[in-house]
PDB file of N, CA and C in Angstrom:
ATOM      1  N   UNK A   1      95.646  99.516  77.485  1.00  0.00           N
ATOM      2  CA  UNK A   1      94.449 100.191  77.962  1.00  0.00           C
ATOM      3  C   UNK A   1      94.309 101.524  77.246  1.00  0.00           C
ATOM      4  N   UNK A   2      93.129 101.783  76.752  1.00  0.00           N
ATOM      5  CA  UNK A   2      92.846 103.034  76.061  1.00  0.00           C
ATOM      6  C   UNK A   2      92.510 104.093  77.096  1.00  0.00           C
ATOM      7  N   UNK A   3      93.292 105.146  77.171  1.00  0.00           N
ATOM      8  CA  UNK A   3      93.070 106.133  78.225  1.00  0.00           C
ATOM      9  C   UNK A   3      92.378 107.402  77.735  1.00  0.00           C
ATOM     10  N   UNK A   4      92.180 107.546  76.466  1.00  0.00           N
ATOM     11  CA  UNK A   4      91.562 108.788  75.999  1.00  0.00           C
ATOM     12  C   UNK A   4      90.141 108.584  75.467  1.00  0.00           C
ATOM     13  N   UNK A   5      89.436 107.620  76.036  1.00  0.00           N
ATOM     14  CA  UNK A   5      88.016 107.467  75.742  1.00  0.00           C
ATOM     15  C   UNK A   5      87.226 108.507  76.532  1.00  0.00           C
ATOM     16  N   UNK A   6      86.049 108.814  76.038  1.00  0.00           N
ATOM     17  CA  UNK A   6      85.105 109.629  76.796  1.00  0.00           C
ATOM     18  C   UNK A   6      83.885 108.760  77.098  1.00  0.00           C
ATOM     19  N   UNK A   7      83.018 109.256  77.939  1.00  0.00           N
ATOM     20  CA  UNK A   7      81.806 108.503  78.285  1.00  0.00           C
ATOM     21  C   UNK A   7      80.985 108.164  77.042  1.00  0.00           C
ATOM     22  N   UNK A   8      80.995 109.033  76.058  1.00  0.00           N
ATOM     23  CA  UNK A   8      80.205 108.818  74.844  1.00  0.00           C
ATOM     24  C   UNK A   8      80.731 107.660  73.992  1.00  0.00           C
ATOM     25  N   UNK A   9      81.954 107.229  74.232  1.00  0.00           N
ATOM     26  CA  UNK A   9      82.537 106.134  73.461  1.00  0.00           C
ATOM     27  C   UNK A   9      82.006 104.765  73.887  1.00  0.00           C
ATOM     28  N   UNK A  10      81.379 104.692  75.052  1.00  0.00           N
ATOM     29  CA  UNK A  10      80.891 103.424  75.580  1.00  0.00           C
ATOM     30  C   UNK A  10      79.410 103.248  75.279  1.00  0.00           C
ATOM     31  N   UNK A  11      78.996 101.972  75.168  1.00  0.00           N
ATOM     32  CA  UNK A  11      77.574 101.677  74.989  1.00  0.00           C
ATOM     33  C   UNK A  11      77.211 100.489  75.849  1.00  0.00           C
ATOM     34  N   UNK A  12      75.947 100.310  76.062  1.00  0.00           N
ATOM     35  CA  UNK A  12      75.481  99.173  76.854  1.00  0.00           C
ATOM     36  C   UNK A  12      75.874  97.881  76.153  1.00  0.00           C
ATOM     37  N   UNK A  13      76.324  96.929  76.943  1.00  0.00           N
ATOM     38  CA  UNK A  13      76.773  95.652  76.381  1.00  0.00           C
ATOM     39  C   UNK A  13      75.663  94.979  75.580  1.00  0.00           C
ATOM     40  N   UNK A  14      74.460  95.021  76.097  1.00  0.00           N
ATOM     41  CA  UNK A  14      73.335  94.383  75.401  1.00  0.00           C
ATOM     42  C   UNK A  14      73.117  95.010  74.015  1.00  0.00           C
ATOM     43  N   UNK A  15      73.251  96.322  73.918  1.00  0.00           N
ATOM     44  CA  UNK A  15      73.106  97.002  72.621  1.00  0.00           C
ATOM     45  C   UNK A  15      74.235  96.617  71.670  1.00  0.00           C
ATOM     46  N   UNK A  16      75.469  96.525  72.210  1.00  0.00           N
ATOM     47  CA  UNK A  16      76.605  96.156  71.365  1.00  0.00           C
ATOM     48  C   UNK A  16      76.422  94.764  70.789  1.00  0.00           C
ATOM     49  N   UNK A  17      75.988  93.820  71.633  1.00  0.00           N
ATOM     50  CA  UNK A  17      75.783  92.447  71.156  1.00  0.00           C
ATOM     51  C   UNK A  17      74.731  92.415  70.060  1.00  0.00           C
ATOM     52  N   UNK A  18      73.643  93.146  70.240  1.00  0.00           N
ATOM     53  CA  UNK A  18      72.578  93.171  69.232  1.00  0.00           C
ATOM     54  C   UNK A  18      73.083  93.725  67.899  1.00  0.00           C
ATOM     55  N   UNK A  19      73.958  94.722  67.953  1.00  0.00           N
ATOM     56  CA  UNK A  19      74.448  95.364  66.734  1.00  0.00           C
ATOM     57  C   UNK A  19      75.686  94.699  66.137  1.00  0.00           C
ATOM     58  N   UNK A  20      76.574  94.192  66.995  1.00  0.00           N
ATOM     59  CA  UNK A  20      77.888  93.753  66.513  1.00  0.00           C
ATOM     60  C   UNK A  20      78.303  92.357  66.958  1.00  0.00           C
ATOM     61  N   UNK A  21      77.450  91.650  67.687  1.00  0.00           N
ATOM     62  CA  UNK A  21      77.831  90.353  68.230  1.00  0.00           C
ATOM     63  C   UNK A  21      78.188  89.321  67.175  1.00  0.00           C
ATOM     64  N   UNK A  22      77.481  89.367  66.069  1.00  0.00           N
ATOM     65  CA  UNK A  22      77.765  88.459  64.963  1.00  0.00           C
ATOM     66  C   UNK A  22      77.798  87.005  65.384  1.00  0.00           C
ATOM     67  N   UNK A  23      78.549  86.187  64.639  1.00  0.00           N
ATOM     68  CA  UNK A  23      78.601  84.761  64.953  1.00  0.00           C
ATOM     69  C   UNK A  23      79.376  84.440  66.232  1.00  0.00           C
ATOM     70  N   UNK A  24      80.237  85.338  66.689  1.00  0.00           N
ATOM     71  CA  UNK A  24      80.965  85.079  67.931  1.00  0.00           C
ATOM     72  C   UNK A  24      80.050  85.161  69.144  1.00  0.00           C
ATOM     73  N   UNK A  25      79.123  86.102  69.117  1.00  0.00           N
ATOM     74  CA  UNK A  25      78.189  86.293  70.227  1.00  0.00           C
ATOM     75  C   UNK A  25      76.766  86.380  69.658  1.00  0.00           C
ATOM     76  N   UNK A  26      76.196  85.233  69.278  1.00  0.00           N
ATOM     77  CA  UNK A  26      74.869  85.259  68.670  1.00  0.00           C
ATOM     78  C   UNK A  26      73.758  85.632  69.647  1.00  0.00           C
ATOM     79  N   UNK A  27      74.088  85.600  70.939  1.00  0.00           N
ATOM     80  CA  UNK A  27      73.097  85.979  71.942  1.00  0.00           C
ATOM     81  C   UNK A  27      73.799  86.723  73.078  1.00  0.00           C
ATOM     82  N   UNK A  28      73.019  87.435  73.855  1.00  0.00           N
ATOM     83  CA  UNK A  28      73.592  88.135  74.992  1.00  0.00           C
ATOM     84  C   UNK A  28      74.108  87.135  76.025  1.00  0.00           C
ATOM     85  N   UNK A  29      73.471  85.991  76.129  1.00  0.00           N
ATOM     86  CA  UNK A  29      73.929  84.953  77.052  1.00  0.00           C
ATOM     87  C   UNK A  29      75.331  84.477  76.693  1.00  0.00           C
ATOM     88  N   UNK A  30      75.613  84.342  75.405  1.00  0.00           N
ATOM     89  CA  UNK A  30      76.954  83.932  74.964  1.00  0.00           C
ATOM     90  C   UNK A  30      77.985  84.985  75.361  1.00  0.00           C
ATOM     91  N   UNK A  31      77.625  86.246  75.214  1.00  0.00           N
ATOM     92  CA  UNK A  31      78.532  87.325  75.610  1.00  0.00           C
ATOM     93  C   UNK A  31      78.748  87.317  77.122  1.00  0.00           C
ATOM     94  N   UNK A  32      77.672  87.125  77.878  1.00  0.00           N
ATOM     95  CA  UNK A  32      77.793  87.085  79.342  1.00  0.00           C
ATOM     96  C   UNK A  32      78.727  85.961  79.793  1.00  0.00           C
ATOM     97  N   UNK A  33      78.623  84.796  79.161  1.00  0.00           N
ATOM     98  CA  UNK A  33      79.513  83.686  79.496  1.00  0.00           C
ATOM     99  C   UNK A  33      80.960  84.085  79.215  1.00  0.00           C
ATOM    100  N   UNK A  34      81.201  84.710  78.064  1.00  0.00           N
ATOM    101  CA  UNK A  34      82.551  85.134  77.704  1.00  0.00           C
ATOM    102  C   UNK A  34      83.094  86.122  78.740  1.00  0.00           C
ATOM    103  N   UNK A  35      82.269  87.069  79.146  1.00  0.00           N
ATOM    104  CA  UNK A  35      82.690  88.058  80.152  1.00  0.00           C
ATOM    105  C   UNK A  35      83.000  87.361  81.473  1.00  0.00           C
ATOM    106  N   UNK A  36      82.180  86.428  81.892  1.00  0.00           N
ATOM    107  CA  UNK A  36      82.466  85.697  83.139  1.00  0.00           C
ATOM    108  C   UNK A  36      83.797  84.957  83.048  1.00  0.00           C
ATOM    109  N   UNK A  37      84.086  84.405  81.887  1.00  0.00           N
ATOM    110  CA  UNK A  37      85.300  83.614  81.705  1.00  0.00           C
ATOM    111  C   UNK A  37      86.563  84.461  81.562  1.00  0.00           C
ATOM    112  N   UNK A  38      86.411  85.707  81.097  1.00  0.00           N
ATOM    113  CA  UNK A  38      87.578  86.540  80.774  1.00  0.00           C
ATOM    114  C   UNK A  38      87.472  87.944  81.366  1.00  0.00           C
ATOM    115  N   UNK A  39      86.774  88.045  82.445  1.00  0.00           N
ATOM    116  CA  UNK A  39      86.485  89.341  83.074  1.00  0.00           C
ATOM    117  C   UNK A  39      87.739  90.180  83.335  1.00  0.00           C
ATOM    118  N   UNK A  40      88.744  89.572  83.948  1.00  0.00           N
ATOM    119  CA  UNK A  40      89.958  90.312  84.297  1.00  0.00           C
ATOM    120  C   UNK A  40      90.619  90.905  83.053  1.00  0.00           C
ATOM    121  N   UNK A  41      90.783  90.104  82.014  1.00  0.00           N
ATOM    122  CA  UNK A  41      91.411  90.594  80.787  1.00  0.00           C
ATOM    123  C   UNK A  41      90.601  91.718  80.152  1.00  0.00           C
ATOM    124  N   UNK A  42      89.292  91.578  80.155  1.00  0.00           N
ATOM    125  CA  UNK A  42      88.439  92.598  79.541  1.00  0.00           C
ATOM    126  C   UNK A  42      88.499  93.914  80.316  1.00  0.00           C
ATOM    127  N   UNK A  43      88.493  93.828  81.645  1.00  0.00           N
ATOM    128  CA  UNK A  43      88.581  95.038  82.460  1.00  0.00           C
ATOM    129  C   UNK A  43      89.947  95.694  82.271  1.00  0.00           C
ATOM    130  N   UNK A  44      91.001  94.882  82.297  1.00  0.00           N
ATOM    131  CA  UNK A  44      92.349  95.429  82.121  1.00  0.00           C
ATOM    132  C   UNK A  44      92.548  96.072  80.749  1.00  0.00           C
ATOM    133  N   UNK A  45      91.824  95.592  79.758  1.00  0.00           N
ATOM    134  CA  UNK A  45      91.936  96.162  78.414  1.00  0.00           C
ATOM    135  C   UNK A  45      91.309  97.556  78.338  1.00  0.00           C
ATOM    136  N   UNK A  46      90.476  97.892  79.330  1.00  0.00           N
ATOM    137  CA  UNK A  46      89.778  99.171  79.310  1.00  0.00           C
ATOM    138  C   UNK A  46      88.513  99.159  78.477  1.00  0.00           C
ATOM    139  N   UNK A  47      88.141  97.984  77.974  1.00  0.00           N
ATOM    140  CA  UNK A  47      86.967  97.874  77.108  1.00  0.00           C
ATOM    141  C   UNK A  47      85.713  97.419  77.836  1.00  0.00           C
ATOM    142  N   UNK A  48      85.819  97.159  79.140  1.00  0.00           N
ATOM    143  CA  UNK A  48      84.666  96.685  79.901  1.00  0.00           C
ATOM    144  C   UNK A  48      84.560  97.462  81.198  1.00  0.00           C
ATOM    145  N   UNK A  49      83.395  98.036  81.432  1.00  0.00           N
ATOM    146  CA  UNK A  49      83.086  98.707  82.690  1.00  0.00           C
ATOM    147  C   UNK A  49      81.873  97.986  83.266  1.00  0.00           C
ATOM    148  N   UNK A  50      82.095  97.289  84.367  1.00  0.00           N
ATOM    149  CA  UNK A  50      81.034  96.507  84.990  1.00  0.00           C
ATOM    150  C   UNK A  50      80.237  97.417  85.916  1.00  0.00           C
ATOM    151  N   UNK A  51      78.936  97.458  85.691  1.00  0.00           N
ATOM    152  CA  UNK A  51      78.033  98.235  86.548  1.00  0.00           C
ATOM    153  C   UNK A  51      76.899  97.329  86.981  1.00  0.00           C
ATOM    154  N   UNK A  52      76.399  97.580  88.152  1.00  0.00           N
ATOM    155  CA  UNK A  52      75.242  96.836  88.655  1.00  0.00           C
ATOM    156  C   UNK A  52      73.982  97.651  88.408  1.00  0.00           C
ATOM    157  N   UNK A  53      72.884  96.981  88.431  1.00  0.00           N
ATOM    158  CA  UNK A  53      71.620  97.676  88.293  1.00  0.00           C
ATOM    159  C   UNK A  53      71.128  97.739  86.865  1.00  0.00           C
ATOM    160  N   UNK A  54      70.093  98.523  86.646  1.00  0.00           N
ATOM    161  CA  UNK A  54      69.441  98.551  85.338  1.00  0.00           C
ATOM    162  C   UNK A  54      70.311  99.155  84.228  1.00  0.00           C
ATOM    163  N   UNK A  55      71.317  99.932  84.594  1.00  0.00           N
ATOM    164  CA  UNK A  55      72.197 100.512  83.574  1.00  0.00           C
ATOM    165  C   UNK A  55      73.014  99.459  82.857  1.00  0.00           C
ATOM    166  N   UNK A  56      73.388  98.427  83.568  1.00  0.00           N
ATOM    167  CA  UNK A  56      74.128  97.321  82.978  1.00  0.00           C
ATOM    168  C   UNK A  56      75.574  97.646  82.646  1.00  0.00           C
ATOM    169  N   UNK A  57      76.261  96.639  82.195  1.00  0.00           N
ATOM    170  CA  UNK A  57      77.670  96.726  81.834  1.00  0.00           C
ATOM    171  C   UNK A  57      77.843  97.560  80.573  1.00  0.00           C
ATOM    172  N   UNK A  58      78.958  98.302  80.531  1.00  0.00           N
ATOM    173  CA  UNK A  58      79.288  99.103  79.356  1.00  0.00           C
ATOM    174  C   UNK A  58      80.506  98.506  78.660  1.00  0.00           C
ATOM    175  N   UNK A  59      80.541  98.665  77.334  1.00  0.00           N
ATOM    176  CA  UNK A  59      81.684  98.196  76.561  1.00  0.00           C
ATOM    177  C   UNK A  59      82.233  99.331  75.712  1.00  0.00           C
ATOM    178  N   UNK A  60      83.549  99.297  75.508  1.00  0.00           N
ATOM    179  CA  UNK A  60      84.223 100.300  74.702  1.00  0.00           C
ATOM    180  C   UNK A  60      84.166  99.944  73.224  1.00  0.00           C
ATOM    181  N   UNK A  61      84.603 100.866  72.384  1.00  0.00           N
ATOM    182  CA  UNK A  61      84.505 100.667  70.938  1.00  0.00           C
ATOM    183  C   UNK A  61      85.378  99.538  70.392  1.00  0.00           C
ATOM    184  N   UNK A  62      86.357  99.082  71.149  1.00  0.00           N
ATOM    185  CA  UNK A  62      87.240  98.018  70.671  1.00  0.00           C
ATOM    186  C   UNK A  62      86.989  96.677  71.355  1.00  0.00           C
ATOM    187  N   UNK A  63      85.830  96.516  71.961  1.00  0.00           N
ATOM    188  CA  UNK A  63      85.530  95.269  72.662  1.00  0.00           C
ATOM    189  C   UNK A  63      85.569  94.069  71.722  1.00  0.00           C
ATOM    190  N   UNK A  64      85.112  94.227  70.510  1.00  0.00           N
ATOM    191  CA  UNK A  64      85.130  93.124  69.543  1.00  0.00           C
ATOM    192  C   UNK A  64      86.548  92.689  69.218  1.00  0.00           C
ATOM    193  N   UNK A  65      87.432  93.634  68.999  1.00  0.00           N
ATOM    194  CA  UNK A  65      88.834  93.327  68.705  1.00  0.00           C
ATOM    195  C   UNK A  65      89.474  92.603  69.883  1.00  0.00           C
ATOM    196  N   UNK A  66      89.231  93.100  71.090  1.00  0.00           N
ATOM    197  CA  UNK A  66      89.801  92.485  72.286  1.00  0.00           C
ATOM    198  C   UNK A  66      89.257  91.066  72.464  1.00  0.00           C
ATOM    199  N   UNK A  67      87.972  90.867  72.226  1.00  0.00           N
ATOM    200  CA  UNK A  67      87.382  89.534  72.349  1.00  0.00           C
ATOM    201  C   UNK A  67      88.028  88.562  71.363  1.00  0.00           C
ATOM    202  N   UNK A  68      88.227  88.999  70.132  1.00  0.00           N
ATOM    203  CA  UNK A  68      88.867  88.138  69.132  1.00  0.00           C
ATOM    204  C   UNK A  68      90.295  87.809  69.554  1.00  0.00           C
ATOM    205  N   UNK A  69      91.029  88.797  70.051  1.00  0.00           N
ATOM    206  CA  UNK A  69      92.404  88.553  70.509  1.00  0.00           C
ATOM    207  C   UNK A  69      92.441  87.524  71.641  1.00  0.00           C
ATOM    208  N   UNK A  70      91.505  87.628  72.573  1.00  0.00           N
ATOM    209  CA  UNK A  70      91.445  86.667  73.680  1.00  0.00           C
ATOM    210  C   UNK A  70      91.145  85.269  73.139  1.00  0.00           C
ATOM    211  N   UNK A  71      90.200  85.168  72.218  1.00  0.00           N
ATOM    212  CA  UNK A  71      89.853  83.878  71.642  1.00  0.00           C
ATOM    213  C   UNK A  71      91.032  83.282  70.867  1.00  0.00           C
ATOM    214  N   UNK A  72      91.730  84.106  70.108  1.00  0.00           N
ATOM    215  CA  UNK A  72      92.880  83.624  69.347  1.00  0.00           C
ATOM    216  C   UNK A  72      93.997  83.155  70.280  1.00  0.00           C
ATOM    217  N   UNK A  73      94.227  83.911  71.339  1.00  0.00           N
ATOM    218  CA  UNK A  73      95.244  83.533  72.320  1.00  0.00           C
ATOM    219  C   UNK A  73      94.903  82.184  72.947  1.00  0.00           C
ATOM    220  N   UNK A  74      93.639  82.011  73.264  1.00  0.00           N
ATOM    221  CA  UNK A  74      93.199  80.756  73.868  1.00  0.00           C
ATOM    222  C   UNK A  74      93.371  79.600  72.894  1.00  0.00           C
ATOM    223  N   UNK A  75      93.084  79.837  71.607  1.00  0.00           N
ATOM    224  CA  UNK A  75      93.245  78.797  70.592  1.00  0.00           C
ATOM    225  C   UNK A  75      94.715  78.413  70.436  1.00  0.00           C
ATOM    226  N   UNK A  76      95.611  79.393  70.447  1.00  0.00           N
ATOM    227  CA  UNK A  76      97.036  79.100  70.330  1.00  0.00           C
ATOM    228  C   UNK A  76      97.505  78.262  71.523  1.00  0.00           C
ATOM    229  N   UNK A  77      96.960  78.552  72.698  1.00  0.00           N
ATOM    230  CA  UNK A  77      97.320  77.789  73.887  1.00  0.00           C
ATOM    231  C   UNK A  77      96.803  76.360  73.849  1.00  0.00           C
ATOM    232  N   UNK A  78      95.704  76.155  73.147  1.00  0.00           N
ATOM    233  CA  UNK A  78      95.095  74.826  73.075  1.00  0.00           C
ATOM    234  C   UNK A  78      95.743  73.969  72.006  1.00  0.00           C
ATOM    235  N   UNK A  79      96.465  74.590  71.085  1.00  0.00           N
ATOM    236  CA  UNK A  79      97.056  73.840  69.963  1.00  0.00           C
ATOM    237  C   UNK A  79      98.288  73.068  70.371  1.00  0.00           C
TER     238      UNK A  79
END
């Protein structure tokens, strides 16, 4: 968990997907499914702050790295 982030280090999840989602998250719906499936790991990593309302969920600067690590771990388990 990254403990020395500031509020400015986080951005709205929807904005992150639009800018950095790439082929892993081609749509916000794909990202939402991933978050539903791996919510606990993402929160524990410190890269996901779940908020309700119009502000929406926030993601940290290393959310992409954490998502790839989760996907790789899952692939190793499936092999």
